[in-house]
Amino acid sequence: MIYSHSMKITPLVLLIICSYCAAQAQSKNNLYTDLAINSLGTSVTYDRRIAKHFDLGIGISLNDINGDKYYNRKMAAFIDLRPYRVIRRNMFFALFDIGFAFYGGRIPAPGTTSLGPYNPYVGLGVGYGYRINKRGMGPYISLCADGFVQNQINQNLALPHEARNNFVIDETLVISLGFKF
């Protein structure tokens, strides 16, 4: 009985080991995960190398960076453009993100100002990473300006149309610590 049980587990263990080695040998796909240290937030970005020093990918970020009781949760889904330069174990990169921001939280009371449920999102930043292996895994730090364009709609119908609809740019400087897989 023990012999039969070990024969079933052995191929599974070998498969896991081979998958891990194959993932370590792959150098075209990168996963960046980070936590903001100056405001509550996190982001995950999956990039694929499309040129020698250029990655293209998709990502999401989750933020709760303002104290408003309405529409206080922000999520952004974006396309990530990441040029980089590697010098020995040091990696310097820039990041350009463009996509949409989504708002959550409680809906404001009638007669007040509300936000559109989704608005344009832009992120521009720079970063430094230290590579701990040839594949490029390692910790990094980044400084990014995250911008949300908010369409604010005032529900007061007594105001003229121009006074009820406003666009506001909500720009936040975010310092993040992360790890590149």
N, C-alpha and C. Protein backbone atom coordinates (compact mmCIF):
# COMPACT_ATOMS: atom_id res chain seq x y z
N MET A 1 0.82 -1.19 0.00
CA MET A 1 0.00 0.00 0.00
C MET A 1 0.86 1.25 0.00
N ILE A 2 1.94 1.27 0.77
CA ILE A 2 2.83 2.43 0.81
C ILE A 2 3.51 2.59 -0.54
N TYR A 3 3.88 1.49 -1.17
CA TYR A 3 4.53 1.54 -2.48
C TYR A 3 3.61 2.20 -3.50
N SER A 4 2.34 1.85 -3.49
CA SER A 4 1.37 2.41 -4.42
C SER A 4 1.17 3.90 -4.17
N HIS A 5 1.11 4.28 -2.91
CA HIS A 5 0.90 5.70 -2.57
C HIS A 5 2.08 6.55 -3.01
N SER A 6 3.32 6.08 -2.81
CA SER A 6 4.49 6.85 -3.20
C SER A 6 4.61 6.93 -4.72
N MET A 7 4.13 5.95 -5.44
CA MET A 7 4.17 5.99 -6.90
C MET A 7 3.22 7.05 -7.45
N LYS A 8 2.16 7.33 -6.74
CA LYS A 8 1.23 8.38 -7.17
C LYS A 8 1.78 9.76 -6.87
N ILE A 9 2.50 9.91 -5.79
CA ILE A 9 3.02 11.21 -5.38
C ILE A 9 4.27 11.60 -6.16
N THR A 10 5.11 10.64 -6.52
CA THR A 10 6.37 10.91 -7.20
C THR A 10 6.19 11.72 -8.49
N PRO A 11 5.29 11.35 -9.39
CA PRO A 11 5.12 12.17 -10.60
C PRO A 11 4.64 13.59 -10.28
N LEU A 12 3.81 13.73 -9.26
CA LEU A 12 3.33 15.04 -8.87
C LEU A 12 4.48 15.91 -8.36
N VAL A 13 5.34 15.36 -7.54
CA VAL A 13 6.49 16.10 -7.01
C VAL A 13 7.43 16.48 -8.15
N LEU A 14 7.69 15.55 -9.08
CA LEU A 14 8.55 15.86 -10.23
C LEU A 14 7.95 16.95 -11.11
N LEU A 15 6.64 16.92 -11.30
CA LEU A 15 5.97 17.95 -12.09
C LEU A 15 6.10 19.32 -11.44
N ILE A 16 5.93 19.39 -10.13
CA ILE A 16 6.07 20.66 -9.42
C ILE A 16 7.49 21.19 -9.53
N ILE A 17 8.48 20.32 -9.35
CA ILE A 17 9.88 20.75 -9.44
C ILE A 17 10.21 21.24 -10.85
N CYS A 18 9.78 20.51 -11.87
CA CYS A 18 10.04 20.91 -13.25
C CYS A 18 9.33 22.23 -13.59
N SER A 19 8.12 22.41 -13.11
CA SER A 19 7.39 23.67 -13.35
C SER A 19 8.10 24.83 -12.71
N TYR A 20 8.60 24.64 -11.50
CA TYR A 20 9.32 25.70 -10.80
C TYR A 20 10.59 26.07 -11.56
N CYS A 21 11.34 25.07 -12.04
CA CYS A 21 12.57 25.33 -12.80
C CYS A 21 12.26 26.02 -14.12
N ALA A 22 11.19 25.62 -14.79
CA ALA A 22 10.81 26.25 -16.05
C ALA A 22 10.39 27.70 -15.83
N ALA A 23 9.69 27.96 -14.74
CA ALA A 23 9.28 29.34 -14.44
C ALA A 23 10.48 30.20 -14.13
N GLN A 24 11.48 29.65 -13.45
CA GLN A 24 12.69 30.42 -13.16
C GLN A 24 13.50 30.70 -14.42
N ALA A 25 13.46 29.81 -15.39
CA ALA A 25 14.22 30.00 -16.62
C ALA A 25 13.54 30.98 -17.56
N GLN A 26 12.26 31.21 -17.41
CA GLN A 26 11.52 32.13 -18.27
C GLN A 26 11.91 33.55 -17.95
N SER A 27 12.38 34.31 -18.93
CA SER A 27 12.81 35.68 -18.67
C SER A 27 11.97 36.69 -19.42
N LYS A 28 10.90 36.26 -20.05
CA LYS A 28 10.08 37.20 -20.82
C LYS A 28 8.90 37.74 -20.03
N ASN A 29 8.44 37.04 -19.02
CA ASN A 29 7.29 37.47 -18.24
C ASN A 29 7.73 37.96 -16.87
N ASN A 30 7.17 39.08 -16.44
CA ASN A 30 7.53 39.65 -15.15
C ASN A 30 6.26 40.01 -14.39
N LEU A 31 6.31 39.81 -13.09
CA LEU A 31 5.21 40.19 -12.22
C LEU A 31 5.75 41.15 -11.17
N TYR A 32 5.18 42.35 -11.12
CA TYR A 32 5.57 43.36 -10.16
C TYR A 32 4.44 43.50 -9.13
N THR A 33 4.76 43.37 -7.86
CA THR A 33 3.79 43.59 -6.79
C THR A 33 4.38 44.59 -5.82
N ASP A 34 3.55 45.53 -5.38
CA ASP A 34 4.08 46.52 -4.44
C ASP A 34 3.02 47.04 -3.49
N LEU A 35 3.51 47.65 -2.41
CA LEU A 35 2.67 48.30 -1.41
C LEU A 35 3.11 49.75 -1.30
N ALA A 36 2.17 50.66 -1.29
CA ALA A 36 2.49 52.07 -1.11
C ALA A 36 2.85 52.30 0.35
N ILE A 37 3.91 53.05 0.59
CA ILE A 37 4.33 53.28 1.98
C ILE A 37 3.89 54.64 2.51
N ASN A 38 3.46 55.54 1.65
CA ASN A 38 3.01 56.84 2.13
C ASN A 38 1.49 56.99 2.09
N SER A 39 0.78 56.03 1.55
CA SER A 39 -0.68 56.02 1.55
C SER A 39 -1.13 54.57 1.42
N LEU A 40 -2.33 54.29 1.86
CA LEU A 40 -2.84 52.92 1.83
C LEU A 40 -3.12 52.52 0.38
N GLY A 41 -2.43 51.49 -0.09
CA GLY A 41 -2.66 51.04 -1.46
C GLY A 41 -1.72 49.93 -1.86
N THR A 42 -2.07 49.26 -2.94
CA THR A 42 -1.25 48.18 -3.48
C THR A 42 -1.48 48.10 -4.98
N SER A 43 -0.53 47.51 -5.69
CA SER A 43 -0.73 47.28 -7.12
C SER A 43 -0.02 46.01 -7.55
N VAL A 44 -0.54 45.42 -8.62
CA VAL A 44 0.04 44.22 -9.23
C VAL A 44 0.06 44.48 -10.73
N THR A 45 1.22 44.23 -11.34
CA THR A 45 1.38 44.44 -12.77
C THR A 45 2.04 43.22 -13.40
N TYR A 46 1.46 42.74 -14.47
CA TYR A 46 2.03 41.62 -15.23
C TYR A 46 2.55 42.18 -16.54
N ASP A 47 3.85 42.06 -16.78
CA ASP A 47 4.48 42.59 -17.98
C ASP A 47 5.14 41.49 -18.78
N ARG A 48 5.23 41.73 -20.07
CA ARG A 48 5.92 40.81 -20.98
C ARG A 48 6.92 41.63 -21.78
N ARG A 49 8.13 41.11 -21.90
CA ARG A 49 9.16 41.81 -22.66
C ARG A 49 8.81 41.75 -24.14
N ILE A 50 8.74 42.94 -24.77
CA ILE A 50 8.45 42.98 -26.21
C ILE A 50 9.64 43.52 -27.01
N ALA A 51 10.61 44.11 -26.33
CA ALA A 51 11.85 44.56 -26.96
C ALA A 51 12.96 44.37 -25.94
N LYS A 52 14.18 44.66 -26.35
CA LYS A 52 15.32 44.38 -25.47
C LYS A 52 15.22 45.09 -24.12
N HIS A 53 14.80 46.31 -24.09
CA HIS A 53 14.71 47.07 -22.84
C HIS A 53 13.32 47.69 -22.67
N PHE A 54 12.29 46.92 -23.00
CA PHE A 54 10.94 47.48 -22.93
C PHE A 54 9.93 46.38 -22.63
N ASP A 55 9.12 46.60 -21.59
CA ASP A 55 8.04 45.68 -21.21
C ASP A 55 6.69 46.34 -21.46
N LEU A 56 5.72 45.54 -21.80
CA LEU A 56 4.34 46.00 -21.98
C LEU A 56 3.46 45.04 -21.20
N GLY A 57 2.49 45.56 -20.46
CA GLY A 57 1.64 44.67 -19.67
C GLY A 57 0.37 45.33 -19.21
N ILE A 58 -0.29 44.64 -18.27
CA ILE A 58 -1.53 45.12 -17.68
C ILE A 58 -1.39 45.08 -16.17
N GLY A 59 -2.17 45.90 -15.51
CA GLY A 59 -2.10 45.90 -14.06
C GLY A 59 -3.36 46.45 -13.42
N ILE A 60 -3.42 46.27 -12.10
CA ILE A 60 -4.50 46.85 -11.31
C ILE A 60 -3.88 47.46 -10.05
N SER A 61 -4.52 48.49 -9.56
CA SER A 61 -4.11 49.06 -8.28
C SER A 61 -5.36 49.30 -7.44
N LEU A 62 -5.21 49.15 -6.16
CA LEU A 62 -6.30 49.38 -5.22
C LEU A 62 -5.84 50.43 -4.23
N ASN A 63 -6.60 51.49 -4.08
CA ASN A 63 -6.22 52.59 -3.20
C ASN A 63 -7.41 53.05 -2.38
N ASP A 64 -7.13 53.50 -1.19
CA ASP A 64 -8.11 54.15 -0.33
C ASP A 64 -7.38 55.35 0.26
N ILE A 65 -7.08 56.32 -0.59
CA ILE A 65 -6.11 57.34 -0.22
C ILE A 65 -6.72 58.64 0.29
N ASN A 66 -8.02 58.79 0.21
CA ASN A 66 -8.59 60.02 0.77
C ASN A 66 -9.58 59.68 1.88
N GLY A 67 -9.88 60.67 2.68
CA GLY A 67 -10.73 60.44 3.84
C GLY A 67 -12.21 60.67 3.58
N ASP A 68 -12.61 60.85 2.32
CA ASP A 68 -14.02 61.09 2.03
C ASP A 68 -14.86 59.87 2.38
N LYS A 69 -16.03 60.12 2.92
CA LYS A 69 -16.88 58.99 3.27
C LYS A 69 -17.66 58.46 2.08
N TYR A 70 -17.66 59.20 0.96
CA TYR A 70 -18.32 58.74 -0.25
C TYR A 70 -17.28 58.50 -1.33
N TYR A 71 -17.45 57.46 -2.07
CA TYR A 71 -16.54 57.13 -3.17
C TYR A 71 -15.09 57.11 -2.71
N ASN A 72 -14.81 56.47 -1.61
CA ASN A 72 -13.46 56.50 -1.06
C ASN A 72 -12.58 55.37 -1.56
N ARG A 73 -13.11 54.37 -2.18
CA ARG A 73 -12.27 53.28 -2.68
C ARG A 73 -12.03 53.47 -4.17
N LYS A 74 -10.79 53.40 -4.56
CA LYS A 74 -10.43 53.57 -5.96
C LYS A 74 -9.70 52.33 -6.43
N MET A 75 -10.09 51.87 -7.58
CA MET A 75 -9.38 50.78 -8.24
C MET A 75 -9.05 51.27 -9.63
N ALA A 76 -7.87 50.99 -10.10
CA ALA A 76 -7.50 51.36 -11.46
C ALA A 76 -7.08 50.11 -12.21
N ALA A 77 -7.55 49.98 -13.42
CA ALA A 77 -7.11 48.94 -14.34
C ALA A 77 -6.39 49.66 -15.47
N PHE A 78 -5.17 49.22 -15.78
CA PHE A 78 -4.37 50.02 -16.70
C PHE A 78 -3.46 49.16 -17.57
N ILE A 79 -2.99 49.79 -18.63
CA ILE A 79 -1.94 49.24 -19.49
C ILE A 79 -0.64 49.84 -19.00
N ASP A 80 0.37 49.00 -18.84
CA ASP A 80 1.66 49.42 -18.29
C ASP A 80 2.73 49.38 -19.38
N LEU A 81 3.42 50.50 -19.56
CA LEU A 81 4.57 50.59 -20.46
C LEU A 81 5.78 50.82 -19.57
N ARG A 82 6.79 49.96 -19.69
CA ARG A 82 7.91 50.02 -18.75
C ARG A 82 9.26 49.88 -19.46
N PRO A 83 9.88 51.00 -19.86
CA PRO A 83 11.26 50.91 -20.35
C PRO A 83 12.21 50.75 -19.16
N TYR A 84 13.29 50.02 -19.36
CA TYR A 84 14.21 49.78 -18.25
C TYR A 84 15.64 49.68 -18.77
N ARG A 85 16.57 49.81 -17.86
CA ARG A 85 18.00 49.68 -18.16
C ARG A 85 18.62 48.86 -17.04
N VAL A 86 19.39 47.83 -17.39
CA VAL A 86 20.04 46.97 -16.41
C VAL A 86 21.54 47.22 -16.45
N ILE A 87 22.12 47.51 -15.30
CA ILE A 87 23.56 47.67 -15.15
C ILE A 87 23.97 46.74 -14.02
N ARG A 88 24.59 45.63 -14.40
CA ARG A 88 24.95 44.54 -13.48
C ARG A 88 23.72 44.07 -12.71
N ARG A 89 23.67 44.27 -11.42
CA ARG A 89 22.51 43.83 -10.63
C ARG A 89 21.48 44.94 -10.44
N ASN A 90 21.76 46.12 -10.92
CA ASN A 90 20.87 47.27 -10.75
C ASN A 90 19.95 47.41 -11.95
N MET A 91 18.67 47.65 -11.68
CA MET A 91 17.71 47.89 -12.75
C MET A 91 17.03 49.23 -12.50
N PHE A 92 17.11 50.10 -13.48
CA PHE A 92 16.45 51.40 -13.43
C PHE A 92 15.31 51.36 -14.44
N PHE A 93 14.14 51.83 -14.03
CA PHE A 93 13.01 51.76 -14.94
C PHE A 93 12.13 53.00 -14.81
N ALA A 94 11.37 53.23 -15.86
CA ALA A 94 10.32 54.24 -15.86
C ALA A 94 9.02 53.50 -16.07
N LEU A 95 7.93 54.07 -15.59
CA LEU A 95 6.65 53.43 -15.84
C LEU A 95 5.63 54.46 -16.29
N PHE A 96 4.87 54.05 -17.28
CA PHE A 96 3.80 54.86 -17.84
C PHE A 96 2.55 53.99 -17.84
N ASP A 97 1.55 54.39 -17.07
CA ASP A 97 0.30 53.63 -16.96
C ASP A 97 -0.85 54.48 -17.47
N ILE A 98 -1.73 53.86 -18.22
CA ILE A 98 -2.92 54.56 -18.70
C ILE A 98 -4.09 53.57 -18.66
N GLY A 99 -5.22 54.04 -18.16
CA GLY A 99 -6.38 53.16 -18.04
C GLY A 99 -7.57 53.88 -17.45
N PHE A 100 -8.34 53.15 -16.64
CA PHE A 100 -9.54 53.71 -16.02
C PHE A 100 -9.52 53.49 -14.52
N ALA A 101 -10.01 54.48 -13.80
CA ALA A 101 -10.17 54.40 -12.35
C ALA A 101 -11.65 54.13 -12.07
N PHE A 102 -11.89 53.25 -11.11
CA PHE A 102 -13.24 52.91 -10.71
C PHE A 102 -13.42 53.29 -9.25
N TYR A 103 -14.57 53.84 -8.90
CA TYR A 103 -14.81 54.31 -7.55
C TYR A 103 -15.82 53.42 -6.86
N GLY A 104 -15.66 53.28 -5.54
CA GLY A 104 -16.58 52.48 -4.75
C GLY A 104 -16.90 53.20 -3.46
N GLY A 105 -17.54 52.54 -2.57
CA GLY A 105 -17.94 53.16 -1.31
C GLY A 105 -19.42 53.50 -1.33
N ARG A 106 -19.84 54.24 -0.33
CA ARG A 106 -21.26 54.59 -0.24
C ARG A 106 -21.64 55.66 -1.26
N ILE A 107 -22.85 55.62 -1.69
CA ILE A 107 -23.36 56.62 -2.64
C ILE A 107 -23.76 57.87 -1.86
N PRO A 108 -23.40 59.06 -2.36
CA PRO A 108 -23.74 60.28 -1.63
C PRO A 108 -25.25 60.52 -1.57
N ALA A 109 -25.64 61.33 -0.60
CA ALA A 109 -27.06 61.67 -0.41
C ALA A 109 -27.56 62.49 -1.61
N PRO A 110 -28.85 62.42 -1.90
CA PRO A 110 -29.41 63.21 -3.01
C PRO A 110 -29.18 64.70 -2.78
N GLY A 111 -28.95 65.44 -3.88
CA GLY A 111 -28.73 66.88 -3.79
C GLY A 111 -27.27 67.25 -3.53
N THR A 112 -26.38 66.27 -3.50
CA THR A 112 -24.96 66.55 -3.28
C THR A 112 -24.18 66.25 -4.55
N THR A 113 -22.88 66.41 -4.48
CA THR A 113 -22.02 66.14 -5.61
C THR A 113 -21.64 64.67 -5.64
N SER A 114 -21.70 64.06 -6.81
CA SER A 114 -21.29 62.67 -6.95
C SER A 114 -20.22 62.57 -8.03
N LEU A 115 -19.55 61.45 -8.08
CA LEU A 115 -18.52 61.19 -9.07
C LEU A 115 -19.04 60.20 -10.08
N GLY A 116 -18.54 60.30 -11.30
CA GLY A 116 -18.83 59.28 -12.29
C GLY A 116 -18.25 57.96 -11.82
N PRO A 117 -18.85 56.83 -12.16
CA PRO A 117 -18.38 55.54 -11.64
C PRO A 117 -16.99 55.15 -12.15
N TYR A 118 -16.59 55.63 -13.30
CA TYR A 118 -15.24 55.37 -13.81
C TYR A 118 -14.75 56.61 -14.54
N ASN A 119 -13.45 56.83 -14.45
CA ASN A 119 -12.82 58.01 -15.02
C ASN A 119 -11.43 57.64 -15.50
N PRO A 120 -10.82 58.46 -16.35
CA PRO A 120 -9.47 58.16 -16.84
C PRO A 120 -8.43 58.15 -15.72
N TYR A 121 -7.42 57.31 -15.89
CA TYR A 121 -6.33 57.16 -14.93
C TYR A 121 -5.00 57.22 -15.67
N VAL A 122 -4.02 57.93 -15.08
CA VAL A 122 -2.68 58.01 -15.65
C VAL A 122 -1.68 57.90 -14.50
N GLY A 123 -0.63 57.13 -14.71
CA GLY A 123 0.45 57.02 -13.74
C GLY A 123 1.79 57.19 -14.44
N LEU A 124 2.64 58.05 -13.88
CA LEU A 124 3.98 58.28 -14.42
C LEU A 124 4.97 58.15 -13.27
N GLY A 125 6.05 57.40 -13.48
CA GLY A 125 6.98 57.22 -12.38
C GLY A 125 8.33 56.68 -12.81
N VAL A 126 9.20 56.57 -11.81
CA VAL A 126 10.53 56.01 -11.98
C VAL A 126 10.78 55.04 -10.84
N GLY A 127 11.73 54.13 -11.06
CA GLY A 127 12.02 53.16 -10.02
C GLY A 127 13.41 52.59 -10.11
N TYR A 128 13.80 51.94 -9.03
CA TYR A 128 15.09 51.26 -8.95
C TYR A 128 14.87 49.89 -8.35
N GLY A 129 15.46 48.87 -8.98
CA GLY A 129 15.36 47.52 -8.46
C GLY A 129 16.72 46.88 -8.34
N TYR A 130 16.85 45.98 -7.39
CA TYR A 130 18.09 45.23 -7.20
C TYR A 130 17.81 43.78 -7.56
N ARG A 131 18.49 43.29 -8.58
CA ARG A 131 18.26 41.93 -9.08
C ARG A 131 19.04 40.93 -8.24
N ILE A 132 18.36 39.92 -7.70
CA ILE A 132 19.04 38.92 -6.88
C ILE A 132 19.38 37.66 -7.65
N ASN A 133 18.88 37.55 -8.90
CA ASN A 133 19.27 36.44 -9.76
C ASN A 133 19.29 36.91 -11.20
N LYS A 134 19.74 36.05 -12.12
CA LYS A 134 19.86 36.45 -13.53
C LYS A 134 18.52 36.75 -14.17
N ARG A 135 17.48 36.13 -13.71
CA ARG A 135 16.15 36.36 -14.26
C ARG A 135 15.65 37.77 -13.96
N GLY A 136 16.16 38.36 -12.90
CA GLY A 136 15.77 39.73 -12.57
C GLY A 136 14.91 39.85 -11.34
N MET A 137 14.66 38.75 -10.64
CA MET A 137 13.85 38.82 -9.42
C MET A 137 14.55 39.71 -8.40
N GLY A 138 13.75 40.42 -7.62
CA GLY A 138 14.34 41.20 -6.56
C GLY A 138 13.45 42.33 -6.09
N PRO A 139 13.86 42.98 -5.01
CA PRO A 139 13.08 44.10 -4.47
C PRO A 139 13.27 45.35 -5.32
N TYR A 140 12.31 46.24 -5.24
CA TYR A 140 12.42 47.52 -5.92
C TYR A 140 11.68 48.60 -5.14
N ILE A 141 12.00 49.83 -5.47
CA ILE A 141 11.30 50.99 -4.92
C ILE A 141 10.93 51.87 -6.10
N SER A 142 9.75 52.48 -6.03
CA SER A 142 9.31 53.34 -7.13
C SER A 142 8.64 54.59 -6.58
N LEU A 143 8.72 55.63 -7.36
CA LEU A 143 8.07 56.91 -7.08
C LEU A 143 7.17 57.20 -8.27
N CYS A 144 5.87 57.30 -8.03
CA CYS A 144 4.91 57.42 -9.13
C CYS A 144 3.88 58.50 -8.81
N ALA A 145 3.54 59.28 -9.82
CA ALA A 145 2.45 60.24 -9.71
C ALA A 145 1.21 59.59 -10.32
N ASP A 146 0.25 59.22 -9.47
CA ASP A 146 -0.99 58.61 -9.93
C ASP A 146 -2.04 59.70 -10.09
N GLY A 147 -2.65 59.77 -11.24
CA GLY A 147 -3.64 60.80 -11.50
C GLY A 147 -4.97 60.23 -11.92
N PHE A 148 -6.02 60.69 -11.27
CA PHE A 148 -7.38 60.32 -11.60
C PHE A 148 -8.11 61.57 -12.06
N VAL A 149 -8.72 61.54 -13.20
CA VAL A 149 -9.55 62.66 -13.64
C VAL A 149 -10.97 62.36 -13.20
N GLN A 150 -11.49 63.18 -12.30
CA GLN A 150 -12.81 62.94 -11.74
C GLN A 150 -13.85 63.82 -12.42
N ASN A 151 -14.93 63.21 -12.83
CA ASN A 151 -16.07 63.94 -13.35
C ASN A 151 -17.06 64.11 -12.20
N GLN A 152 -17.10 65.31 -11.62
CA GLN A 152 -17.98 65.57 -10.49
C GLN A 152 -19.30 66.14 -10.99
N ILE A 153 -20.39 65.56 -10.55
CA ILE A 153 -21.73 65.95 -10.98
C ILE A 153 -22.51 66.42 -9.77
N ASN A 154 -22.90 67.68 -9.76
CA ASN A 154 -23.71 68.22 -8.68
C ASN A 154 -25.17 67.94 -8.99
N GLN A 155 -25.89 67.38 -8.05
CA GLN A 155 -27.28 66.97 -8.26
C GLN A 155 -28.28 68.12 -8.10
N ASN A 156 -27.81 69.32 -7.74
CA ASN A 156 -28.68 70.47 -7.56
C ASN A 156 -29.13 71.00 -8.92
N LEU A 157 -30.39 70.76 -9.28
CA LEU A 157 -30.91 71.15 -10.59
C LEU A 157 -31.12 72.66 -10.72
N ALA A 158 -31.05 73.41 -9.63
CA ALA A 158 -31.20 74.86 -9.70
C ALA A 158 -29.97 75.52 -10.31
N LEU A 159 -28.85 74.84 -10.30
CA LEU A 159 -27.61 75.39 -10.87
C LEU A 159 -27.61 75.21 -12.38
N PRO A 160 -26.97 76.13 -13.12
CA PRO A 160 -26.84 75.92 -14.57
C PRO A 160 -25.98 74.69 -14.87
N HIS A 161 -26.12 74.17 -16.07
CA HIS A 161 -25.43 72.93 -16.45
C HIS A 161 -23.91 73.04 -16.28
N GLU A 162 -23.33 74.19 -16.64
CA GLU A 162 -21.88 74.38 -16.53
C GLU A 162 -21.42 74.30 -15.07
N ALA A 163 -22.25 74.74 -14.14
CA ALA A 163 -21.89 74.73 -12.73
C ALA A 163 -22.08 73.35 -12.09
N ARG A 164 -22.86 72.50 -12.74
CA ARG A 164 -23.12 71.18 -12.16
C ARG A 164 -22.10 70.13 -12.54
N ASN A 165 -21.44 70.30 -13.68
CA ASN A 165 -20.46 69.31 -14.13
C ASN A 165 -19.06 69.91 -14.09
N ASN A 166 -18.18 69.28 -13.33
CA ASN A 166 -16.79 69.73 -13.21
C ASN A 166 -15.86 68.56 -13.40
N PHE A 167 -14.69 68.86 -13.92
CA PHE A 167 -13.62 67.87 -14.00
C PHE A 167 -12.51 68.30 -13.05
N VAL A 168 -12.10 67.39 -12.20
CA VAL A 168 -11.06 67.66 -11.22
C VAL A 168 -9.98 66.60 -11.37
N ILE A 169 -8.72 67.04 -11.36
CA ILE A 169 -7.61 66.09 -11.42
C ILE A 169 -7.14 65.81 -10.00
N ASP A 170 -7.21 64.55 -9.61
CA ASP A 170 -6.77 64.10 -8.29
C ASP A 170 -5.41 63.42 -8.47
N GLU A 171 -4.34 64.15 -8.22
CA GLU A 171 -2.97 63.64 -8.43
C GLU A 171 -2.36 63.33 -7.08
N THR A 172 -1.75 62.16 -6.95
CA THR A 172 -1.14 61.73 -5.70
C THR A 172 0.25 61.19 -5.99
N LEU A 173 1.23 61.62 -5.22
CA LEU A 173 2.58 61.10 -5.33
C LEU A 173 2.68 59.88 -4.42
N VAL A 174 3.00 58.72 -5.01
CA VAL A 174 3.01 57.45 -4.28
C VAL A 174 4.43 56.87 -4.28
N ILE A 175 4.92 56.56 -3.08
CA ILE A 175 6.19 55.87 -2.92
C ILE A 175 5.86 54.42 -2.57
N SER A 176 6.38 53.49 -3.37
CA SER A 176 6.04 52.08 -3.20
C SER A 176 7.27 51.22 -3.04
N LEU A 177 7.14 50.21 -2.20
CA LEU A 177 8.13 49.15 -2.07
C LEU A 177 7.53 47.89 -2.66
N GLY A 178 8.31 47.18 -3.48
CA GLY A 178 7.74 46.00 -4.11
C GLY A 178 8.75 44.92 -4.37
N PHE A 179 8.28 43.89 -5.04
CA PHE A 179 9.13 42.77 -5.40
C PHE A 179 8.79 42.35 -6.82
N LYS A 180 9.81 42.16 -7.63
CA LYS A 180 9.63 41.70 -9.01
C LYS A 180 9.89 40.20 -9.05
N PHE A 181 8.91 39.46 -9.56
CA PHE A 181 9.04 38.01 -9.66
C PHE A 181 9.41 37.63 -11.08
